[in-house]
Amino acid sequence: MLDGLKSIVLVAAMLAGCSTVPPVAIHQPMTARPVPSAEAPGGNGSIYQAGYTNRSLFEDRRARNVGDTLIITINEKMSASKKSSTSAERTGSSGMDVPLLGALSGANILRTPISGSSESSFEGKGDSSANNAFTGTIAVTVIEVLPNGNLLVSGEKQMNINQGGEFVRFSGVVNPMNVSSANSVSSTQVADARMEYKGTGYIDEAQTMGWLARFFLSVLPF
């Protein structure tokens, strides 16, 4: 009996888990250390160094190598609406009279004309709309430089406030041409952008439906 109860609970938990929202597949790892630069040979000049491969003196401080940081300005605003209406109507009628049967004894009632009619109608309407906004800033790290020069970035920000916590994760592909002189880029210019904002703690747990309630919500037909 106990084994059967455990099996029912396990199946319920699995079915309830299928109805939850899957996590966002953020590019991993979340950070990367810069590659150590080669030591410059000594005594080859006071200003110019042959082994110096860092940025030029006249170049803006922008992210371009693995381990460099970049500021992402999250400014996502999306809205969508849909409205549809459908109607259909059909009407039909028919009639029939059998006068020959009226001459027969006891069949006078059959002289009454026979008629029938049918009518059906259908009307359906639908209206849906969505409006989402996500704004903020987050610093990310270049974890890979693609062969075409684009930067694969990823990063997260974690905050613990009293008994609860929040974390923001972001990853995507950045074109270096879109990076401003302030070493920042808008999230609307990031390709394959993946964003995640979640909270932890008892407040988040109070707003989450229990697994048993999710189970019954997914299997009940009414």
N, C-alpha and C. Protein backbone atom coordinates (compact mmCIF):
# COMPACT_ATOMS: atom_id res chain seq x y z
N MET A 1 0.83 -1.20 0.00
CA MET A 1 0.00 0.00 0.00
C MET A 1 0.87 1.25 0.00
N LEU A 2 1.93 1.23 0.81
CA LEU A 2 2.81 2.39 0.89
C LEU A 2 3.56 2.60 -0.42
N ASP A 3 3.98 1.49 -1.05
CA ASP A 3 4.67 1.62 -2.33
C ASP A 3 3.75 2.18 -3.40
N GLY A 4 2.48 1.76 -3.38
CA GLY A 4 1.53 2.30 -4.35
C GLY A 4 1.29 3.78 -4.17
N LEU A 5 1.24 4.22 -2.89
CA LEU A 5 1.05 5.65 -2.62
C LEU A 5 2.25 6.45 -3.09
N LYS A 6 3.45 5.90 -2.87
CA LYS A 6 4.64 6.59 -3.34
C LYS A 6 4.65 6.72 -4.86
N SER A 7 4.20 5.67 -5.53
CA SER A 7 4.16 5.71 -6.99
C SER A 7 3.19 6.77 -7.49
N ILE A 8 2.03 6.88 -6.82
CA ILE A 8 1.04 7.88 -7.22
C ILE A 8 1.59 9.29 -7.01
N VAL A 9 2.25 9.50 -5.88
CA VAL A 9 2.82 10.82 -5.61
C VAL A 9 3.91 11.15 -6.62
N LEU A 10 4.74 10.16 -6.98
CA LEU A 10 5.81 10.40 -7.94
C LEU A 10 5.25 10.74 -9.31
N VAL A 11 4.24 9.99 -9.75
CA VAL A 11 3.63 10.28 -11.05
C VAL A 11 2.96 11.65 -11.03
N ALA A 12 2.31 12.00 -9.94
CA ALA A 12 1.68 13.32 -9.84
C ALA A 12 2.70 14.43 -9.91
N ALA A 13 3.84 14.23 -9.24
CA ALA A 13 4.88 15.25 -9.29
C ALA A 13 5.45 15.41 -10.68
N MET A 14 5.62 14.28 -11.38
CA MET A 14 6.14 14.35 -12.75
C MET A 14 5.16 15.06 -13.68
N LEU A 15 3.88 14.74 -13.55
CA LEU A 15 2.89 15.39 -14.40
C LEU A 15 2.76 16.86 -14.07
N ALA A 16 2.85 17.20 -12.79
CA ALA A 16 2.77 18.61 -12.42
C ALA A 16 3.97 19.37 -12.90
N GLY A 17 5.12 18.73 -12.91
CA GLY A 17 6.31 19.41 -13.38
C GLY A 17 6.25 19.73 -14.85
N CYS A 18 5.49 18.95 -15.61
CA CYS A 18 5.38 19.21 -17.05
C CYS A 18 4.63 20.49 -17.33
N SER A 19 3.81 20.95 -16.39
CA SER A 19 3.00 22.16 -16.62
C SER A 19 3.72 23.43 -16.20
N THR A 20 4.90 23.32 -15.59
CA THR A 20 5.63 24.49 -15.16
C THR A 20 6.37 25.11 -16.33
N VAL A 21 6.74 26.37 -16.20
CA VAL A 21 7.45 27.07 -17.25
C VAL A 21 8.92 26.65 -17.21
N PRO A 22 9.49 26.17 -18.33
CA PRO A 22 10.89 25.74 -18.31
C PRO A 22 11.81 26.93 -18.13
N PRO A 23 12.99 26.71 -17.52
CA PRO A 23 13.93 27.81 -17.32
C PRO A 23 14.53 28.26 -18.64
N VAL A 24 15.00 29.50 -18.67
CA VAL A 24 15.63 30.05 -19.87
C VAL A 24 17.03 29.46 -20.00
N ALA A 25 17.38 29.01 -21.21
CA ALA A 25 18.69 28.41 -21.45
C ALA A 25 19.72 29.51 -21.67
N ILE A 26 20.24 30.06 -20.57
CA ILE A 26 21.26 31.10 -20.65
C ILE A 26 22.58 30.49 -21.11
N HIS A 27 23.28 31.21 -21.97
CA HIS A 27 24.58 30.72 -22.43
C HIS A 27 25.53 30.57 -21.24
N GLN A 28 26.22 29.46 -21.22
CA GLN A 28 27.16 29.18 -20.16
C GLN A 28 28.59 29.21 -20.70
N PRO A 29 29.59 29.50 -19.88
CA PRO A 29 29.49 29.86 -18.46
C PRO A 29 29.02 31.29 -18.28
N MET A 30 28.69 31.66 -17.04
CA MET A 30 28.20 32.99 -16.78
C MET A 30 29.30 34.04 -16.78
N THR A 31 30.55 33.63 -16.65
CA THR A 31 31.67 34.55 -16.68
C THR A 31 32.89 33.82 -17.20
N ALA A 32 33.92 34.57 -17.53
CA ALA A 32 35.16 33.99 -18.05
C ALA A 32 36.33 34.87 -17.65
N ARG A 33 37.44 34.25 -17.34
CA ARG A 33 38.64 35.00 -17.00
C ARG A 33 39.41 35.35 -18.27
N PRO A 34 40.03 36.53 -18.31
CA PRO A 34 40.79 36.91 -19.50
C PRO A 34 42.02 36.03 -19.67
N VAL A 35 42.41 35.87 -20.93
CA VAL A 35 43.60 35.09 -21.25
C VAL A 35 44.83 35.88 -20.84
N PRO A 36 45.77 35.28 -20.12
CA PRO A 36 46.98 36.02 -19.72
C PRO A 36 47.75 36.51 -20.94
N SER A 37 48.13 37.78 -20.91
CA SER A 37 48.87 38.37 -22.02
C SER A 37 50.33 37.96 -21.96
N ALA A 38 50.95 37.86 -23.14
CA ALA A 38 52.36 37.48 -23.21
C ALA A 38 53.24 38.61 -22.70
N GLU A 39 54.31 38.26 -22.03
CA GLU A 39 55.22 39.25 -21.50
C GLU A 39 55.99 39.92 -22.63
N ALA A 40 56.07 41.24 -22.59
CA ALA A 40 56.77 41.99 -23.63
C ALA A 40 58.27 41.87 -23.43
N PRO A 41 59.03 41.64 -24.51
CA PRO A 41 60.49 41.60 -24.37
C PRO A 41 61.03 42.95 -23.94
N GLY A 42 62.01 42.96 -23.07
CA GLY A 42 62.54 44.21 -22.55
C GLY A 42 63.58 44.84 -23.46
N GLY A 43 63.71 46.17 -23.32
CA GLY A 43 64.75 46.89 -24.02
C GLY A 43 64.51 47.09 -25.50
N ASN A 44 63.27 47.14 -25.96
CA ASN A 44 63.04 47.37 -27.39
C ASN A 44 62.40 48.73 -27.65
N GLY A 45 62.49 49.66 -26.72
CA GLY A 45 61.97 51.01 -26.94
C GLY A 45 61.30 51.53 -25.70
N SER A 46 61.28 52.87 -25.53
CA SER A 46 60.67 53.45 -24.35
C SER A 46 59.18 53.67 -24.49
N ILE A 47 58.70 53.89 -25.74
CA ILE A 47 57.27 54.12 -25.97
C ILE A 47 56.65 52.92 -26.66
N TYR A 48 57.20 52.55 -27.77
CA TYR A 48 56.66 51.41 -28.52
C TYR A 48 57.24 50.11 -27.98
N GLN A 49 56.41 49.16 -27.73
CA GLN A 49 56.81 47.84 -27.29
C GLN A 49 56.32 46.83 -28.31
N ALA A 50 57.21 45.99 -28.82
CA ALA A 50 56.84 45.04 -29.87
C ALA A 50 55.86 44.00 -29.36
N GLY A 51 55.97 43.62 -28.12
CA GLY A 51 55.08 42.60 -27.58
C GLY A 51 53.82 43.14 -26.95
N TYR A 52 53.60 44.44 -27.07
CA TYR A 52 52.42 45.06 -26.45
C TYR A 52 51.23 44.91 -27.39
N THR A 53 50.28 44.07 -27.01
CA THR A 53 49.13 43.78 -27.87
C THR A 53 47.84 44.32 -27.28
N ASN A 54 47.93 45.19 -26.31
CA ASN A 54 46.72 45.73 -25.71
C ASN A 54 46.13 46.82 -26.59
N ARG A 55 45.17 47.56 -26.09
CA ARG A 55 44.47 48.56 -26.87
C ARG A 55 45.40 49.73 -27.22
N SER A 56 45.03 50.39 -28.30
CA SER A 56 45.78 51.56 -28.72
C SER A 56 45.50 52.73 -27.79
N LEU A 57 46.40 53.72 -27.80
CA LEU A 57 46.21 54.90 -26.96
C LEU A 57 45.02 55.73 -27.40
N PHE A 58 44.62 55.61 -28.67
CA PHE A 58 43.55 56.44 -29.23
C PHE A 58 42.27 55.62 -29.42
N GLU A 59 42.17 54.51 -28.80
CA GLU A 59 40.99 53.65 -28.96
C GLU A 59 40.12 53.72 -27.72
N ASP A 60 38.79 53.72 -27.94
CA ASP A 60 37.87 53.72 -26.82
C ASP A 60 37.97 52.41 -26.04
N ARG A 61 37.68 52.50 -24.77
CA ARG A 61 37.72 51.31 -23.93
C ARG A 61 36.44 50.51 -24.12
N ARG A 62 36.43 49.68 -25.13
CA ARG A 62 35.27 48.86 -25.43
C ARG A 62 35.64 47.39 -25.29
N ALA A 63 34.62 46.60 -24.99
CA ALA A 63 34.84 45.16 -24.84
C ALA A 63 35.11 44.53 -26.20
N ARG A 64 36.14 43.69 -26.26
CA ARG A 64 36.46 43.01 -27.50
C ARG A 64 37.15 41.68 -27.28
N ASN A 65 37.65 41.42 -26.07
CA ASN A 65 38.37 40.19 -25.78
C ASN A 65 37.64 39.40 -24.70
N VAL A 66 37.97 38.11 -24.61
CA VAL A 66 37.40 37.26 -23.58
C VAL A 66 37.79 37.80 -22.20
N GLY A 67 36.81 37.94 -21.34
CA GLY A 67 37.03 38.47 -20.00
C GLY A 67 36.70 39.94 -19.86
N ASP A 68 36.53 40.65 -20.99
CA ASP A 68 36.13 42.06 -20.91
C ASP A 68 34.68 42.17 -20.48
N THR A 69 34.35 43.24 -19.80
CA THR A 69 32.99 43.46 -19.33
C THR A 69 32.27 44.46 -20.25
N LEU A 70 30.97 44.34 -20.26
CA LEU A 70 30.12 45.16 -21.12
C LEU A 70 28.82 45.45 -20.39
N ILE A 71 28.32 46.67 -20.54
CA ILE A 71 27.06 47.07 -19.90
C ILE A 71 25.91 46.85 -20.88
N ILE A 72 24.92 46.09 -20.43
CA ILE A 72 23.72 45.86 -21.23
C ILE A 72 22.59 46.71 -20.66
N THR A 73 22.03 47.56 -21.49
CA THR A 73 20.87 48.35 -21.10
C THR A 73 19.61 47.61 -21.54
N ILE A 74 18.93 47.02 -20.60
CA ILE A 74 17.73 46.24 -20.91
C ILE A 74 16.57 47.19 -21.10
N ASN A 75 16.03 47.17 -22.27
CA ASN A 75 14.90 48.05 -22.61
C ASN A 75 13.96 47.28 -23.53
N GLU A 76 13.31 46.29 -22.96
CA GLU A 76 12.43 45.43 -23.73
C GLU A 76 10.97 45.82 -23.48
N LYS A 77 10.31 46.19 -24.54
CA LYS A 77 8.88 46.51 -24.49
C LYS A 77 8.20 45.81 -25.66
N MET A 78 7.30 44.93 -25.34
CA MET A 78 6.61 44.16 -26.37
C MET A 78 5.11 44.21 -26.11
N SER A 79 4.38 44.40 -27.16
CA SER A 79 2.91 44.40 -27.08
C SER A 79 2.35 43.70 -28.30
N ALA A 80 1.28 42.98 -28.09
CA ALA A 80 0.63 42.25 -29.17
C ALA A 80 -0.87 42.20 -28.89
N SER A 81 -1.64 42.21 -29.94
CA SER A 81 -3.09 42.12 -29.81
C SER A 81 -3.65 41.34 -30.99
N LYS A 82 -4.74 40.67 -30.74
CA LYS A 82 -5.39 39.86 -31.77
C LYS A 82 -6.89 39.87 -31.52
N LYS A 83 -7.64 40.05 -32.58
CA LYS A 83 -9.09 40.09 -32.48
C LYS A 83 -9.68 39.41 -33.69
N SER A 84 -10.62 38.51 -33.46
CA SER A 84 -11.25 37.78 -34.55
C SER A 84 -12.73 37.61 -34.26
N SER A 85 -13.50 37.51 -35.33
CA SER A 85 -14.94 37.33 -35.22
C SER A 85 -15.42 36.45 -36.36
N THR A 86 -16.26 35.48 -36.05
CA THR A 86 -16.77 34.53 -37.03
C THR A 86 -18.26 34.33 -36.80
N SER A 87 -19.01 34.31 -37.88
CA SER A 87 -20.45 34.05 -37.79
C SER A 87 -20.89 33.24 -39.00
N ALA A 88 -21.82 32.34 -38.76
CA ALA A 88 -22.36 31.50 -39.83
C ALA A 88 -23.83 31.23 -39.53
N GLU A 89 -24.64 31.15 -40.61
CA GLU A 89 -26.08 30.94 -40.44
C GLU A 89 -26.61 30.12 -41.61
N ARG A 90 -27.51 29.20 -41.32
CA ARG A 90 -28.09 28.36 -42.35
C ARG A 90 -29.56 28.12 -42.02
N THR A 91 -30.43 28.24 -43.02
CA THR A 91 -31.87 28.05 -42.87
C THR A 91 -32.38 27.16 -44.00
N GLY A 92 -33.23 26.21 -43.67
CA GLY A 92 -33.80 25.32 -44.69
C GLY A 92 -35.23 24.96 -44.33
N SER A 93 -36.06 24.69 -45.34
CA SER A 93 -37.47 24.28 -45.12
C SER A 93 -37.89 23.32 -46.22
N SER A 94 -38.89 22.49 -45.92
CA SER A 94 -39.43 21.53 -46.89
C SER A 94 -40.89 21.25 -46.55
N GLY A 95 -41.69 20.87 -47.56
CA GLY A 95 -43.10 20.58 -47.36
C GLY A 95 -43.57 19.46 -48.28
N MET A 96 -44.61 18.73 -47.87
CA MET A 96 -45.11 17.61 -48.66
C MET A 96 -46.60 17.42 -48.37
N ASP A 97 -47.40 17.15 -49.42
CA ASP A 97 -48.85 16.91 -49.28
C ASP A 97 -49.18 15.61 -49.99
N VAL A 98 -49.94 14.72 -49.32
CA VAL A 98 -50.32 13.41 -49.89
C VAL A 98 -51.84 13.36 -50.01
N PRO A 99 -52.46 13.88 -51.12
CA PRO A 99 -53.93 13.92 -51.22
C PRO A 99 -54.56 12.58 -51.52
N LEU A 100 -53.86 11.62 -52.16
CA LEU A 100 -54.46 10.35 -52.54
C LEU A 100 -54.87 9.52 -51.35
N LEU A 101 -54.16 9.64 -50.28
CA LEU A 101 -54.49 8.86 -49.11
C LEU A 101 -55.75 9.35 -48.41
N GLY A 102 -56.21 10.51 -48.80
CA GLY A 102 -57.40 11.05 -48.15
C GLY A 102 -58.66 10.29 -48.48
N ALA A 103 -58.72 9.56 -49.64
CA ALA A 103 -59.90 8.80 -50.02
C ALA A 103 -60.05 7.52 -49.23
N LEU A 104 -59.05 7.09 -48.60
CA LEU A 104 -59.12 5.87 -47.83
C LEU A 104 -59.84 6.11 -46.51
N SER A 105 -60.48 5.07 -46.05
CA SER A 105 -61.24 5.18 -44.80
C SER A 105 -60.28 5.37 -43.63
N GLY A 106 -60.64 6.33 -42.81
CA GLY A 106 -59.84 6.58 -41.62
C GLY A 106 -58.51 7.23 -41.89
N ALA A 107 -58.27 7.70 -43.09
CA ALA A 107 -56.97 8.30 -43.44
C ALA A 107 -57.11 9.76 -43.77
N ASN A 108 -58.24 10.38 -43.36
CA ASN A 108 -58.42 11.81 -43.67
C ASN A 108 -57.35 12.67 -43.00
N ILE A 109 -56.85 12.14 -41.89
CA ILE A 109 -55.84 12.95 -41.20
C ILE A 109 -54.57 13.10 -42.01
N LEU A 110 -54.37 12.15 -42.94
CA LEU A 110 -53.16 12.21 -43.75
C LEU A 110 -53.23 13.27 -44.83
N ARG A 111 -54.43 13.88 -45.05
CA ARG A 111 -54.53 14.94 -46.04
C ARG A 111 -53.85 16.22 -45.54
N THR A 112 -53.50 16.28 -44.27
CA THR A 112 -52.80 17.45 -43.74
C THR A 112 -51.40 17.52 -44.33
N PRO A 113 -51.03 18.63 -44.89
CA PRO A 113 -49.68 18.74 -45.48
C PRO A 113 -48.61 18.48 -44.42
N ILE A 114 -47.56 17.84 -44.85
CA ILE A 114 -46.41 17.56 -43.99
C ILE A 114 -45.31 18.55 -44.35
N SER A 115 -44.80 19.21 -43.38
CA SER A 115 -43.76 20.21 -43.63
C SER A 115 -42.73 20.14 -42.50
N GLY A 116 -41.55 20.61 -42.80
CA GLY A 116 -40.47 20.64 -41.80
C GLY A 116 -39.52 21.79 -42.11
N SER A 117 -38.87 22.23 -41.12
CA SER A 117 -37.91 23.33 -41.28
C SER A 117 -36.77 23.15 -40.29
N SER A 118 -35.63 23.68 -40.64
CA SER A 118 -34.46 23.63 -39.76
C SER A 118 -33.70 24.95 -39.85
N GLU A 119 -33.08 25.29 -38.79
CA GLU A 119 -32.33 26.53 -38.74
C GLU A 119 -31.17 26.37 -37.76
N SER A 120 -30.00 26.80 -38.16
CA SER A 120 -28.82 26.74 -37.29
C SER A 120 -28.00 28.01 -37.48
N SER A 121 -27.40 28.41 -36.44
CA SER A 121 -26.57 29.62 -36.49
C SER A 121 -25.38 29.45 -35.55
N PHE A 122 -24.28 30.12 -35.87
CA PHE A 122 -23.07 30.06 -35.06
C PHE A 122 -22.41 31.43 -35.08
N GLU A 123 -21.93 31.82 -33.94
CA GLU A 123 -21.21 33.08 -33.82
C GLU A 123 -20.11 32.94 -32.78
N GLY A 124 -18.92 33.29 -33.15
CA GLY A 124 -17.78 33.21 -32.24
C GLY A 124 -16.92 34.46 -32.31
N LYS A 125 -16.41 34.87 -31.19
CA LYS A 125 -15.56 36.05 -31.11
C LYS A 125 -14.38 35.76 -30.20
N GLY A 126 -13.26 36.35 -30.52
CA GLY A 126 -12.06 36.19 -29.71
C GLY A 126 -11.26 37.48 -29.68
N ASP A 127 -10.68 37.75 -28.53
CA ASP A 127 -9.90 38.97 -28.36
C ASP A 127 -8.82 38.70 -27.32
N SER A 128 -7.57 38.94 -27.67
CA SER A 128 -6.47 38.74 -26.74
C SER A 128 -5.45 39.85 -26.93
N SER A 129 -4.78 40.20 -25.85
CA SER A 129 -3.76 41.24 -25.91
C SER A 129 -2.71 40.97 -24.84
N ALA A 130 -1.50 41.45 -25.08
CA ALA A 130 -0.40 41.29 -24.14
C ALA A 130 0.48 42.52 -24.21
N ASN A 131 0.97 42.94 -23.05
CA ASN A 131 1.83 44.12 -22.96
C ASN A 131 2.86 43.87 -21.87
N ASN A 132 4.12 43.72 -22.26
CA ASN A 132 5.18 43.40 -21.33
C ASN A 132 6.29 44.44 -21.41
N ALA A 133 6.92 44.72 -20.27
CA ALA A 133 8.02 45.68 -20.21
C ALA A 133 9.07 45.16 -19.24
N PHE A 134 10.33 45.28 -19.63
CA PHE A 134 11.46 44.83 -18.81
C PHE A 134 12.59 45.81 -19.03
N THR A 135 12.91 46.57 -18.00
CA THR A 135 13.95 47.59 -18.11
C THR A 135 14.96 47.40 -16.98
N GLY A 136 16.18 47.87 -17.22
CA GLY A 136 17.23 47.78 -16.21
C GLY A 136 18.59 47.72 -16.88
N THR A 137 19.62 47.56 -16.11
CA THR A 137 20.99 47.44 -16.60
C THR A 137 21.67 46.28 -15.91
N ILE A 138 22.59 45.65 -16.61
CA ILE A 138 23.35 44.54 -16.06
C ILE A 138 24.69 44.48 -16.77
N ALA A 139 25.73 44.19 -16.02
CA ALA A 139 27.07 44.05 -16.58
C ALA A 139 27.32 42.58 -16.93
N VAL A 140 27.79 42.33 -18.12
CA VAL A 140 28.05 40.98 -18.58
C VAL A 140 29.53 40.86 -18.96
N THR A 141 29.96 39.64 -19.18
CA THR A 141 31.35 39.34 -19.51
C THR A 141 31.41 38.65 -20.86
N VAL A 142 32.40 38.99 -21.64
CA VAL A 142 32.63 38.32 -22.92
C VAL A 142 33.19 36.94 -22.62
N ILE A 143 32.44 35.89 -23.00
CA ILE A 143 32.89 34.53 -22.73
C ILE A 143 33.46 33.86 -23.98
N GLU A 144 33.23 34.46 -25.15
CA GLU A 144 33.77 33.89 -26.39
C GLU A 144 33.75 34.94 -27.48
N VAL A 145 34.79 34.95 -28.29
CA VAL A 145 34.86 35.81 -29.47
C VAL A 145 34.65 34.92 -30.69
N LEU A 146 33.56 35.14 -31.40
CA LEU A 146 33.23 34.30 -32.55
C LEU A 146 34.16 34.60 -33.72
N PRO A 147 34.26 33.69 -34.69
CA PRO A 147 35.18 33.90 -35.82
C PRO A 147 34.93 35.18 -36.61
N ASN A 148 33.68 35.66 -36.65
CA ASN A 148 33.40 36.88 -37.39
C ASN A 148 33.58 38.13 -36.55
N GLY A 149 34.06 38.00 -35.32
CA GLY A 149 34.30 39.14 -34.45
C GLY A 149 33.19 39.46 -33.47
N ASN A 150 32.03 38.85 -33.62
CA ASN A 150 30.95 39.09 -32.67
C ASN A 150 31.30 38.51 -31.30
N LEU A 151 30.69 39.10 -30.28
CA LEU A 151 31.01 38.75 -28.91
C LEU A 151 29.85 37.99 -28.27
N LEU A 152 30.14 36.82 -27.75
CA LEU A 152 29.15 36.07 -26.98
C LEU A 152 29.32 36.46 -25.52
N VAL A 153 28.29 37.10 -24.97
CA VAL A 153 28.37 37.64 -23.62
C VAL A 153 27.37 36.92 -22.72
N SER A 154 27.67 36.92 -21.44
CA SER A 154 26.79 36.31 -20.46
C SER A 154 27.11 36.88 -19.09
N GLY A 155 26.10 37.01 -18.26
CA GLY A 155 26.31 37.54 -16.93
C GLY A 155 25.06 37.44 -16.08
N GLU A 156 25.22 37.60 -14.80
CA GLU A 156 24.11 37.54 -13.86
C GLU A 156 24.32 38.53 -12.72
N LYS A 157 23.24 38.87 -12.07
CA LYS A 157 23.26 39.77 -10.92
C LYS A 157 22.37 39.16 -9.85
N GLN A 158 22.90 38.95 -8.67
CA GLN A 158 22.16 38.35 -7.57
C GLN A 158 22.02 39.36 -6.43
N MET A 159 20.84 39.39 -5.85
CA MET A 159 20.55 40.31 -4.74
C MET A 159 19.75 39.57 -3.68
N ASN A 160 20.19 39.65 -2.45
CA ASN A 160 19.47 39.09 -1.31
C ASN A 160 18.96 40.22 -0.43
N ILE A 161 17.65 40.24 -0.23
CA ILE A 161 17.01 41.29 0.56
C ILE A 161 16.23 40.61 1.67
N ASN A 162 16.71 40.75 2.90
CA ASN A 162 16.08 40.13 4.07
C ASN A 162 15.90 38.63 3.85
N GLN A 163 14.65 38.18 3.80
CA GLN A 163 14.38 36.75 3.70
C GLN A 163 14.19 36.27 2.27
N GLY A 164 14.37 37.14 1.32
CA GLY A 164 14.18 36.76 -0.07
C GLY A 164 15.33 37.21 -0.94
N GLY A 165 15.39 36.70 -2.12
CA GLY A 165 16.44 37.06 -3.05
C GLY A 165 15.92 37.16 -4.47
N GLU A 166 16.66 37.86 -5.30
CA GLU A 166 16.32 38.03 -6.70
C GLU A 166 17.60 37.90 -7.53
N PHE A 167 17.45 37.39 -8.74
CA PHE A 167 18.59 37.32 -9.62
C PHE A 167 18.15 37.59 -11.05
N VAL A 168 19.04 38.24 -11.78
CA VAL A 168 18.82 38.58 -13.18
C VAL A 168 19.94 37.95 -14.00
N ARG A 169 19.59 37.28 -15.07
CA ARG A 169 20.57 36.66 -15.95
C ARG A 169 20.34 37.14 -17.38
N PHE A 170 21.44 37.29 -18.10
CA PHE A 170 21.35 37.78 -19.47
C PHE A 170 22.49 37.17 -20.28
N SER A 171 22.20 36.84 -21.52
CA SER A 171 23.23 36.36 -22.45
C SER A 171 22.77 36.65 -23.87
N GLY A 172 23.73 36.70 -24.77
CA GLY A 172 23.41 36.95 -26.18
C GLY A 172 24.67 37.23 -26.98
N VAL A 173 24.47 37.55 -28.24
CA VAL A 173 25.57 37.82 -29.17
C VAL A 173 25.54 39.31 -29.52
N VAL A 174 26.68 39.97 -29.32
CA VAL A 174 26.79 41.42 -29.52
C VAL A 174 27.71 41.70 -30.69
N ASN A 175 27.26 42.58 -31.57
CA ASN A 175 28.11 43.06 -32.65
C ASN A 175 28.95 44.22 -32.11
N PRO A 176 30.28 44.15 -32.19
CA PRO A 176 31.11 45.23 -31.64
C PRO A 176 30.80 46.59 -32.23
N MET A 177 30.24 46.64 -33.44
CA MET A 177 29.91 47.92 -34.05
C MET A 177 28.78 48.61 -33.31
N ASN A 178 27.97 47.86 -32.56
CA ASN A 178 26.84 48.45 -31.83
C ASN A 178 27.23 48.92 -30.43
N VAL A 179 28.44 48.65 -29.99
CA VAL A 179 28.88 49.06 -28.67
C VAL A 179 29.22 50.54 -28.70
N SER A 180 28.64 51.31 -27.80
CA SER A 180 28.86 52.75 -27.76
C SER A 180 30.21 53.07 -27.14
N SER A 181 30.57 54.34 -27.17
CA SER A 181 31.83 54.77 -26.57
C SER A 181 31.84 54.60 -25.06
N ALA A 182 30.65 54.50 -24.46
CA ALA A 182 30.54 54.26 -23.02
C ALA A 182 30.58 52.77 -22.68
N ASN A 183 30.93 51.95 -23.66
CA ASN A 183 31.03 50.49 -23.47
C ASN A 183 29.69 49.90 -23.03
N SER A 184 28.64 50.32 -23.70
CA SER A 184 27.30 49.81 -23.41
C SER A 184 26.56 49.55 -24.71
N VAL A 185 25.57 48.70 -24.64
CA VAL A 185 24.75 48.37 -25.81
C VAL A 185 23.34 48.07 -25.33
N SER A 186 22.37 48.42 -26.15
CA SER A 186 20.97 48.17 -25.81
C SER A 186 20.63 46.70 -26.06
N SER A 187 19.76 46.17 -25.24
CA SER A 187 19.36 44.78 -25.38
C SER A 187 18.61 44.52 -26.68
N THR A 188 18.03 45.58 -27.26
CA THR A 188 17.33 45.42 -28.53
C THR A 188 18.28 45.18 -29.69
N GLN A 189 19.58 45.41 -29.49
CA GLN A 189 20.58 45.19 -30.52
C GLN A 189 21.39 43.92 -30.28
N VAL A 190 20.96 43.12 -29.32
CA VAL A 190 21.66 41.88 -29.00
C VAL A 190 20.94 40.72 -29.68
N ALA A 191 21.68 39.94 -30.44
CA ALA A 191 21.10 38.78 -31.12
C ALA A 191 21.05 37.59 -30.17
N ASP A 192 20.05 36.74 -30.38
CA ASP A 192 19.88 35.54 -29.56
C ASP A 192 19.86 35.90 -28.07
N ALA A 193 19.19 37.00 -27.76
CA ALA A 193 19.15 37.49 -26.37
C ALA A 193 18.30 36.55 -25.51
N ARG A 194 18.81 36.25 -24.34
CA ARG A 194 18.11 35.40 -23.39
C ARG A 194 18.15 36.08 -22.02
N MET A 195 16.97 36.38 -21.49
CA MET A 195 16.85 37.11 -20.23
C MET A 195 16.03 36.31 -19.24
N GLU A 196 16.40 36.39 -18.01
CA GLU A 196 15.69 35.67 -16.95
C GLU A 196 15.71 36.51 -15.69
N TYR A 197 14.54 36.66 -15.10
CA TYR A 197 14.39 37.42 -13.85
C TYR A 197 13.51 36.61 -12.92
N LYS A 198 14.08 36.20 -11.80
CA LYS A 198 13.34 35.36 -10.87
C LYS A 198 13.63 35.79 -9.44
N GLY A 199 12.76 35.33 -8.56
CA GLY A 199 12.93 35.61 -7.15
C GLY A 199 12.91 34.33 -6.34
N THR A 200 13.51 34.35 -5.18
CA THR A 200 13.53 33.21 -4.27
C THR A 200 13.13 33.68 -2.88
N GLY A 201 12.73 32.74 -2.06
CA GLY A 201 12.32 33.07 -0.71
C GLY A 201 10.86 32.73 -0.47
N TYR A 202 10.41 33.01 0.75
CA TYR A 202 9.05 32.64 1.12
C TYR A 202 8.00 33.45 0.36
N ILE A 203 8.35 34.67 -0.04
CA ILE A 203 7.39 35.48 -0.80
C ILE A 203 7.15 34.85 -2.17
N ASP A 204 8.22 34.41 -2.81
CA ASP A 204 8.07 33.75 -4.10
C ASP A 204 7.35 32.42 -3.95
N GLU A 205 7.61 31.69 -2.87
CA GLU A 205 6.93 30.42 -2.65
C GLU A 205 5.44 30.63 -2.42
N ALA A 206 5.07 31.72 -1.76
CA ALA A 206 3.64 31.98 -1.53
C ALA A 206 2.90 32.29 -2.82
N GLN A 207 3.61 32.77 -3.83
CA GLN A 207 2.98 33.09 -5.11
C GLN A 207 3.05 31.95 -6.10
N THR A 208 3.63 30.81 -5.70
CA THR A 208 3.77 29.67 -6.59
C THR A 208 2.73 28.62 -6.25
N MET A 209 2.05 28.10 -7.24
CA MET A 209 1.05 27.06 -7.04
C MET A 209 1.74 25.75 -6.65
N GLY A 210 1.18 25.04 -5.70
CA GLY A 210 1.75 23.77 -5.25
C GLY A 210 1.69 22.71 -6.34
N TRP A 211 2.56 21.69 -6.18
CA TRP A 211 2.65 20.66 -7.23
C TRP A 211 1.37 19.83 -7.31
N LEU A 212 0.69 19.61 -6.18
CA LEU A 212 -0.55 18.84 -6.23
C LEU A 212 -1.65 19.62 -6.92
N ALA A 213 -1.72 20.92 -6.67
CA ALA A 213 -2.71 21.76 -7.35
C ALA A 213 -2.42 21.81 -8.85
N ARG A 214 -1.13 21.89 -9.25
CA ARG A 214 -0.79 21.88 -10.66
C ARG A 214 -1.15 20.55 -11.31
N PHE A 215 -1.03 19.45 -10.54
CA PHE A 215 -1.38 18.14 -11.06
C PHE A 215 -2.86 18.07 -11.39
N PHE A 216 -3.71 18.45 -10.43
CA PHE A 216 -5.15 18.41 -10.68
C PHE A 216 -5.56 19.41 -11.75
N LEU A 217 -4.84 20.54 -11.84
CA LEU A 217 -5.17 21.52 -12.86
C LEU A 217 -4.85 20.99 -14.26
N SER A 218 -3.87 20.10 -14.39
CA SER A 218 -3.46 19.60 -15.69
C SER A 218 -4.25 18.37 -16.12
N VAL A 219 -4.89 17.63 -15.19
CA VAL A 219 -5.58 16.39 -15.55
C VAL A 219 -7.09 16.49 -15.48
N LEU A 220 -7.61 17.43 -14.72
CA LEU A 220 -9.07 17.54 -14.61
C LEU A 220 -9.66 18.05 -15.92
N PRO A 221 -10.72 17.39 -16.42
CA PRO A 221 -11.31 17.82 -17.71
C PRO A 221 -12.25 18.99 -17.59
N PHE A 222 -12.54 19.47 -16.39
CA PHE A 222 -13.49 20.59 -16.22
C PHE A 222 -12.90 21.67 -15.37
